[in-house]
C-alpha atoms as a PDB file:
ATOM      1  CA  MET A   1       0.000   0.000   0.000  1.00  0.00           C
ATOM      2  CA  TYR A   2       1.252   3.428  -0.953  1.00  0.00           C
ATOM      3  CA  LEU A   3       0.088   6.867   0.144  1.00  0.00           C
ATOM      4  CA  ASN A   4      -0.797   7.792  -3.423  1.00  0.00           C
ATOM      5  CA  THR A   5      -3.172   4.808  -3.687  1.00  0.00           C
ATOM      6  CA  ILE A   6      -5.296   5.598  -0.607  1.00  0.00           C
ATOM      7  CA  LYS A   7      -8.834   6.688  -1.473  1.00  0.00           C
ATOM      8  CA  ASN A   8     -12.034   7.329   0.450  1.00  0.00           C
ATOM      9  CA  GLY A   9     -14.513   4.481   0.771  1.00  0.00           C
ATOM     10  CA  GLU A  10     -17.321   4.312  -1.745  1.00  0.00           C
ATOM     11  CA  GLY A  11     -20.019   6.863  -0.832  1.00  0.00           C
ATOM     12  CA  ALA A  12     -17.850   8.456   1.878  1.00  0.00           C
ATOM     13  CA  SER A  13     -17.452  11.759   0.060  1.00  0.00           C
ATOM     14  CA  ARG A  14     -19.834  13.768  -2.118  1.00  0.00           C
ATOM     15  CA  GLN A  15     -19.289  16.504  -4.644  1.00  0.00           C
ATOM     16  CA  ARG A  16     -19.978  19.991  -3.335  1.00  0.00           C
ATOM     17  CA  LYS A  17     -23.267  21.702  -4.206  1.00  0.00           C
ATOM     18  CA  ARG A  18     -22.885  24.158  -7.072  1.00  0.00           C
ATOM     19  CA  VAL A  19     -25.274  26.987  -6.248  1.00  0.00           C
ATOM     20  CA  GLY A  20     -26.407  29.959  -8.290  1.00  0.00           C
ATOM     21  CA  ARG A  21     -26.363  28.178 -11.664  1.00  0.00           C
ATOM     22  CA  GLY A  22     -29.761  29.259 -13.019  1.00  0.00           C
ATOM     23  CA  ILE A  23     -33.410  28.368 -12.598  1.00  0.00           C
ATOM     24  CA  GLY A  24     -32.964  24.792 -13.724  1.00  0.00           C
ATOM     25  CA  CYS A  25     -31.478  23.714 -10.405  1.00  0.00           C
ATOM     26  CA  ASN A  26     -33.040  23.993  -6.953  1.00  0.00           C
ATOM     27  CA  ASN A  27     -30.391  26.406  -5.767  1.00  0.00           C
ATOM     28  CA  GLY A  28     -30.461  29.018  -8.518  1.00  0.00           C
ATOM     29  CA  LYS A  29     -30.934  32.800  -8.198  1.00  0.00           C
ATOM     30  CA  THR A  30     -30.713  33.272  -4.408  1.00  0.00           C
ATOM     31  CA  SER A  31     -28.595  30.114  -3.966  1.00  0.00           C
ATOM     32  CA  GLY A  32     -30.833  28.718  -1.207  1.00  0.00           C
ATOM     33  CA  ARG A  33     -30.389  31.795   0.998  1.00  0.00           C
ATOM     34  CA  GLY A  34     -33.854  33.311   0.590  1.00  0.00           C
ATOM     35  CA  HIS A  35     -34.466  37.025   0.051  1.00  0.00           C
ATOM     36  CA  LYS A  36     -32.757  39.876   1.921  1.00  0.00           C
ATOM     37  CA  GLY A  37     -31.617  39.910   5.519  1.00  0.00           C
ATOM     38  CA  GLN A  38     -28.285  39.416   7.234  1.00  0.00           C
ATOM     39  CA  LYS A  39     -28.080  35.696   6.552  1.00  0.00           C
ATOM     40  CA  SER A  40     -28.544  36.192   2.816  1.00  0.00           C
ATOM     41  CA  ARG A  41     -25.519  38.466   2.432  1.00  0.00           C
ATOM     42  CA  ALA A  42     -21.880  37.562   2.038  1.00  0.00           C
ATOM     43  CA  GLY A  43     -20.217  37.607   5.455  1.00  0.00           C
ATOM     44  CA  GLY A  44     -23.643  37.711   7.126  1.00  0.00           C
ATOM     45  CA  PHE A  45     -22.594  36.014  10.325  1.00  0.00           C
ATOM     46  CA  HIS A  46     -23.753  36.641  13.876  1.00  0.00           C
ATOM     47  CA  LYS A  47     -22.902  34.901  17.098  1.00  0.00           C
ATOM     48  CA  ILE A  48     -25.040  32.143  18.565  1.00  0.00           C
ATOM     49  CA  GLY A  49     -27.641  33.681  20.840  1.00  0.00           C
ATOM     50  CA  PHE A  50     -27.523  37.068  19.116  1.00  0.00           C
ATOM     51  CA  GLU A  51     -31.006  38.614  18.895  1.00  0.00           C
ATOM     52  CA  GLY A  52     -30.425  41.597  16.669  1.00  0.00           C
ATOM     53  CA  GLY A  53     -29.245  43.904  19.451  1.00  0.00           C
ATOM     54  CA  GLN A  54     -32.045  42.956  21.852  1.00  0.00           C
ATOM     55  CA  MET A  55     -30.844  41.747  25.248  1.00  0.00           C
ATOM     56  CA  PRO A  56     -30.347  37.999  24.663  1.00  0.00           C
ATOM     57  CA  LEU A  57     -32.289  35.382  26.583  1.00  0.00           C
ATOM     58  CA  TYR A  58     -29.249  34.024  28.408  1.00  0.00           C
ATOM     59  CA  ARG A  59     -28.636  37.528  29.850  1.00  0.00           C
ATOM     60  CA  ARG A  60     -32.286  38.294  30.609  1.00  0.00           C
ATOM     61  CA  LEU A  61     -32.805  35.296  32.874  1.00  0.00           C
ATOM     62  CA  PRO A  62     -31.613  35.344  36.497  1.00  0.00           C
ATOM     63  CA  LYS A  63     -28.568  33.251  37.270  1.00  0.00           C
ATOM     64  CA  ARG A  64     -29.288  30.654  39.937  1.00  0.00           C
ATOM     65  CA  GLY A  65     -26.779  27.943  39.122  1.00  0.00           C
ATOM     66  CA  PHE A  66     -27.636  24.269  38.875  1.00  0.00           C
ATOM     67  CA  LYS A  67     -28.401  23.417  42.505  1.00  0.00           C
ATOM     68  CA  SER A  68     -32.035  22.761  43.247  1.00  0.00           C
ATOM     69  CA  LEU A  69     -33.240  24.783  46.217  1.00  0.00           C
ATOM     70  CA  SER A  70     -35.782  22.138  47.186  1.00  0.00           C
ATOM     71  CA  ALA A  71     -33.792  18.951  46.510  1.00  0.00           C
ATOM     72  CA  VAL A  72     -33.227  16.527  49.355  1.00  0.00           C
ATOM     73  CA  LEU A  73     -29.825  14.866  49.218  1.00  0.00           C
ATOM     74  CA  THR A  74     -30.426  11.106  49.060  1.00  0.00           C
ATOM     75  CA  LEU A  75     -27.539   8.730  49.587  1.00  0.00           C
ATOM     76  CA  ASN A  76     -27.720   5.451  47.635  1.00  0.00           C
ATOM     77  CA  LEU A  77     -25.915   2.585  49.357  1.00  0.00           C
ATOM     78  CA  ARG A  78     -25.331  -1.066  48.573  1.00  0.00           C
ATOM     79  CA  SER A  79     -26.625  -3.760  50.892  1.00  0.00           C
ATOM     80  CA  ARG A  80     -23.041  -4.988  51.396  1.00  0.00           C
ATOM     81  CA  LEU A  81     -22.687  -2.292  54.099  1.00  0.00           C
ATOM     82  CA  LEU A  82     -25.303  -4.135  56.174  1.00  0.00           C
ATOM     83  CA  LEU A  83     -23.105  -7.237  56.535  1.00  0.00           C
ATOM     84  CA  ASN A  84     -21.061  -5.360  59.189  1.00  0.00           C
ATOM     85  CA  ALA A  85     -24.136  -4.603  61.319  1.00  0.00           C
ATOM     86  CA  GLU A  86     -24.636  -6.341  64.656  1.00  0.00           C
ATOM     87  CA  GLU A  87     -27.570  -8.662  65.366  1.00  0.00           C
ATOM     88  CA  GLY A  88     -30.763  -6.693  66.174  1.00  0.00           C
ATOM     89  CA  ALA A  89     -29.239  -3.314  65.315  1.00  0.00           C
ATOM     90  CA  THR A  90     -31.498  -0.416  64.360  1.00  0.00           C
ATOM     91  CA  ILE A  91     -30.522   0.950  60.968  1.00  0.00           C
ATOM     92  CA  ASN A  92     -31.372   4.636  60.613  1.00  0.00           C
ATOM     93  CA  LEU A  93     -29.783   7.821  59.278  1.00  0.00           C
ATOM     94  CA  ASP A  94     -27.549   8.198  62.348  1.00  0.00           C
ATOM     95  CA  TRP A  95     -26.282   4.621  62.040  1.00  0.00           C
ATOM     96  CA  VAL A  96     -25.367   5.219  58.391  1.00  0.00           C
ATOM     97  CA  LYS A  97     -23.543   8.458  59.197  1.00  0.00           C
ATOM     98  CA  ASN A  98     -21.540   6.730  61.961  1.00  0.00           C
ATOM     99  CA  ASN A  99     -20.642   3.634  59.894  1.00  0.00           C
ATOM    100  CA  ASN A 100     -20.087   5.293  56.539  1.00  0.00           C
ATOM    101  CA  SER A 101     -18.058   8.375  55.663  1.00  0.00           C
ATOM    102  CA  THR A 102     -20.955  10.491  54.397  1.00  0.00           C
ATOM    103  CA  SER A 103     -21.695  14.169  54.118  1.00  0.00           C
ATOM    104  CA  LYS A 104     -23.562  15.895  56.927  1.00  0.00           C
ATOM    105  CA  LYS A 105     -25.990  17.256  54.315  1.00  0.00           C
ATOM    106  CA  VAL A 106     -27.468  13.792  53.628  1.00  0.00           C
ATOM    107  CA  ALA A 107     -31.170  13.789  54.532  1.00  0.00           C
ATOM    108  CA  GLN A 108     -32.280  10.389  53.193  1.00  0.00           C
ATOM    109  CA  VAL A 109     -30.728   6.984  52.649  1.00  0.00           C
ATOM    110  CA  LYS A 110     -31.775   4.181  50.312  1.00  0.00           C
ATOM    111  CA  PHE A 111     -30.289   0.693  50.246  1.00  0.00           C
ATOM    112  CA  TYR A 112     -29.981  -1.307  47.017  1.00  0.00           C
ATOM    113  CA  LEU A 113     -29.221  -4.982  46.554  1.00  0.00           C
ATOM    114  CA  SER A 114     -25.609  -5.822  45.744  1.00  0.00           C
ATOM    115  CA  ARG A 115     -24.700  -9.089  44.035  1.00  0.00           C
ATOM    116  CA  HIS A 116     -27.502 -11.055  45.692  1.00  0.00           C
ATOM    117  CA  GLU A 117     -25.714 -11.061  49.022  1.00  0.00           C
ATOM    118  CA  ILE A 118     -27.555 -12.942  51.733  1.00  0.00           C
ATOM    119  CA  LEU A 119     -28.177 -11.103  54.982  1.00  0.00           C
ATOM    120  CA  LYS A 120     -28.299 -13.496  57.927  1.00  0.00           C
ATOM    121  CA  THR A 121     -28.571 -11.018  60.802  1.00  0.00           C
ATOM    122  CA  LYS A 122     -31.909  -9.670  62.013  1.00  0.00           C
ATOM    123  CA  LEU A 123     -32.002  -5.885  61.487  1.00  0.00           C
ATOM    124  CA  ASN A 124     -34.626  -3.219  62.181  1.00  0.00           C
ATOM    125  CA  PHE A 125     -34.900  -0.325  59.711  1.00  0.00           C
ATOM    126  CA  GLU A 126     -36.358   3.023  60.743  1.00  0.00           C
ATOM    127  CA  GLY A 127     -36.699   6.025  58.421  1.00  0.00           C
ATOM    128  CA  VAL A 128     -34.553   4.410  55.741  1.00  0.00           C
ATOM    129  CA  LYS A 129     -35.742   3.496  52.251  1.00  0.00           C
ATOM    130  CA  VAL A 130     -34.989   0.085  50.768  1.00  0.00           C
ATOM    131  CA  SER A 131     -35.397  -1.464  47.328  1.00  0.00           C
ATOM    132  CA  LYS A 132     -37.595  -4.502  46.654  1.00  0.00           C
ATOM    133  CA  GLY A 133     -34.614  -6.851  46.655  1.00  0.00           C
ATOM    134  CA  VAL A 134     -33.274  -5.604  49.997  1.00  0.00           C
ATOM    135  CA  LYS A 135     -36.774  -5.704  51.522  1.00  0.00           C
ATOM    136  CA  LYS A 136     -37.081  -9.365  50.556  1.00  0.00           C
ATOM    137  CA  ILE A 137     -33.722 -10.208  52.165  1.00  0.00           C
ATOM    138  CA  ILE A 138     -34.501  -8.289  55.369  1.00  0.00           C
ATOM    139  CA  GLU A 139     -37.861  -9.987  55.824  1.00  0.00           C
ATOM    140  CA  SER A 140     -36.391 -13.446  55.137  1.00  0.00           C
ATOM    141  CA  ALA A 141     -33.785 -12.804  57.870  1.00  0.00           C
ATOM    142  CA  GLY A 142     -36.585 -11.838  60.309  1.00  0.00           C
ATOM    143  CA  GLY A 143     -35.990  -8.075  60.296  1.00  0.00           C
ATOM    144  CA  SER A 144     -38.535  -5.242  60.118  1.00  0.00           C
ATOM    145  CA  ILE A 145     -38.928  -2.011  58.137  1.00  0.00           C
ATOM    146  CA  LYS A 146     -40.620   1.171  59.433  1.00  0.00           C
ATOM    147  CA  LEU A 147     -40.699   4.305  57.326  1.00  0.00           C
END
């Protein structure tokens, strides 16, 4: 293979559109630019968001950032963390904060099933959300869930 033999794949490149070649083609006369206006002229470029001198939308709206003012920070945890819990322990938000390095801003906790791990200790859950899989494991081990 030589550099002078390399070509594009079939259908990979097209010929450019030849505009302004009379009424017989679709892009004759105005060359697909329509009539008048800034966009129809040569060099008729304006920045994205430009509204003809009017104060643009992105400057008219108040800047609040991306943090929701009403969002409650929910921590999603795997059920593997529960294997360290003692028999008959009460699992609540305080227990999670003590046994897991979490932020103080966390207001809710939800446990998800991890790799079908089997929980053999009886645990009581208070004020903590659990998924269907974790609920099944807790109840089979003899534990209880109170929201």
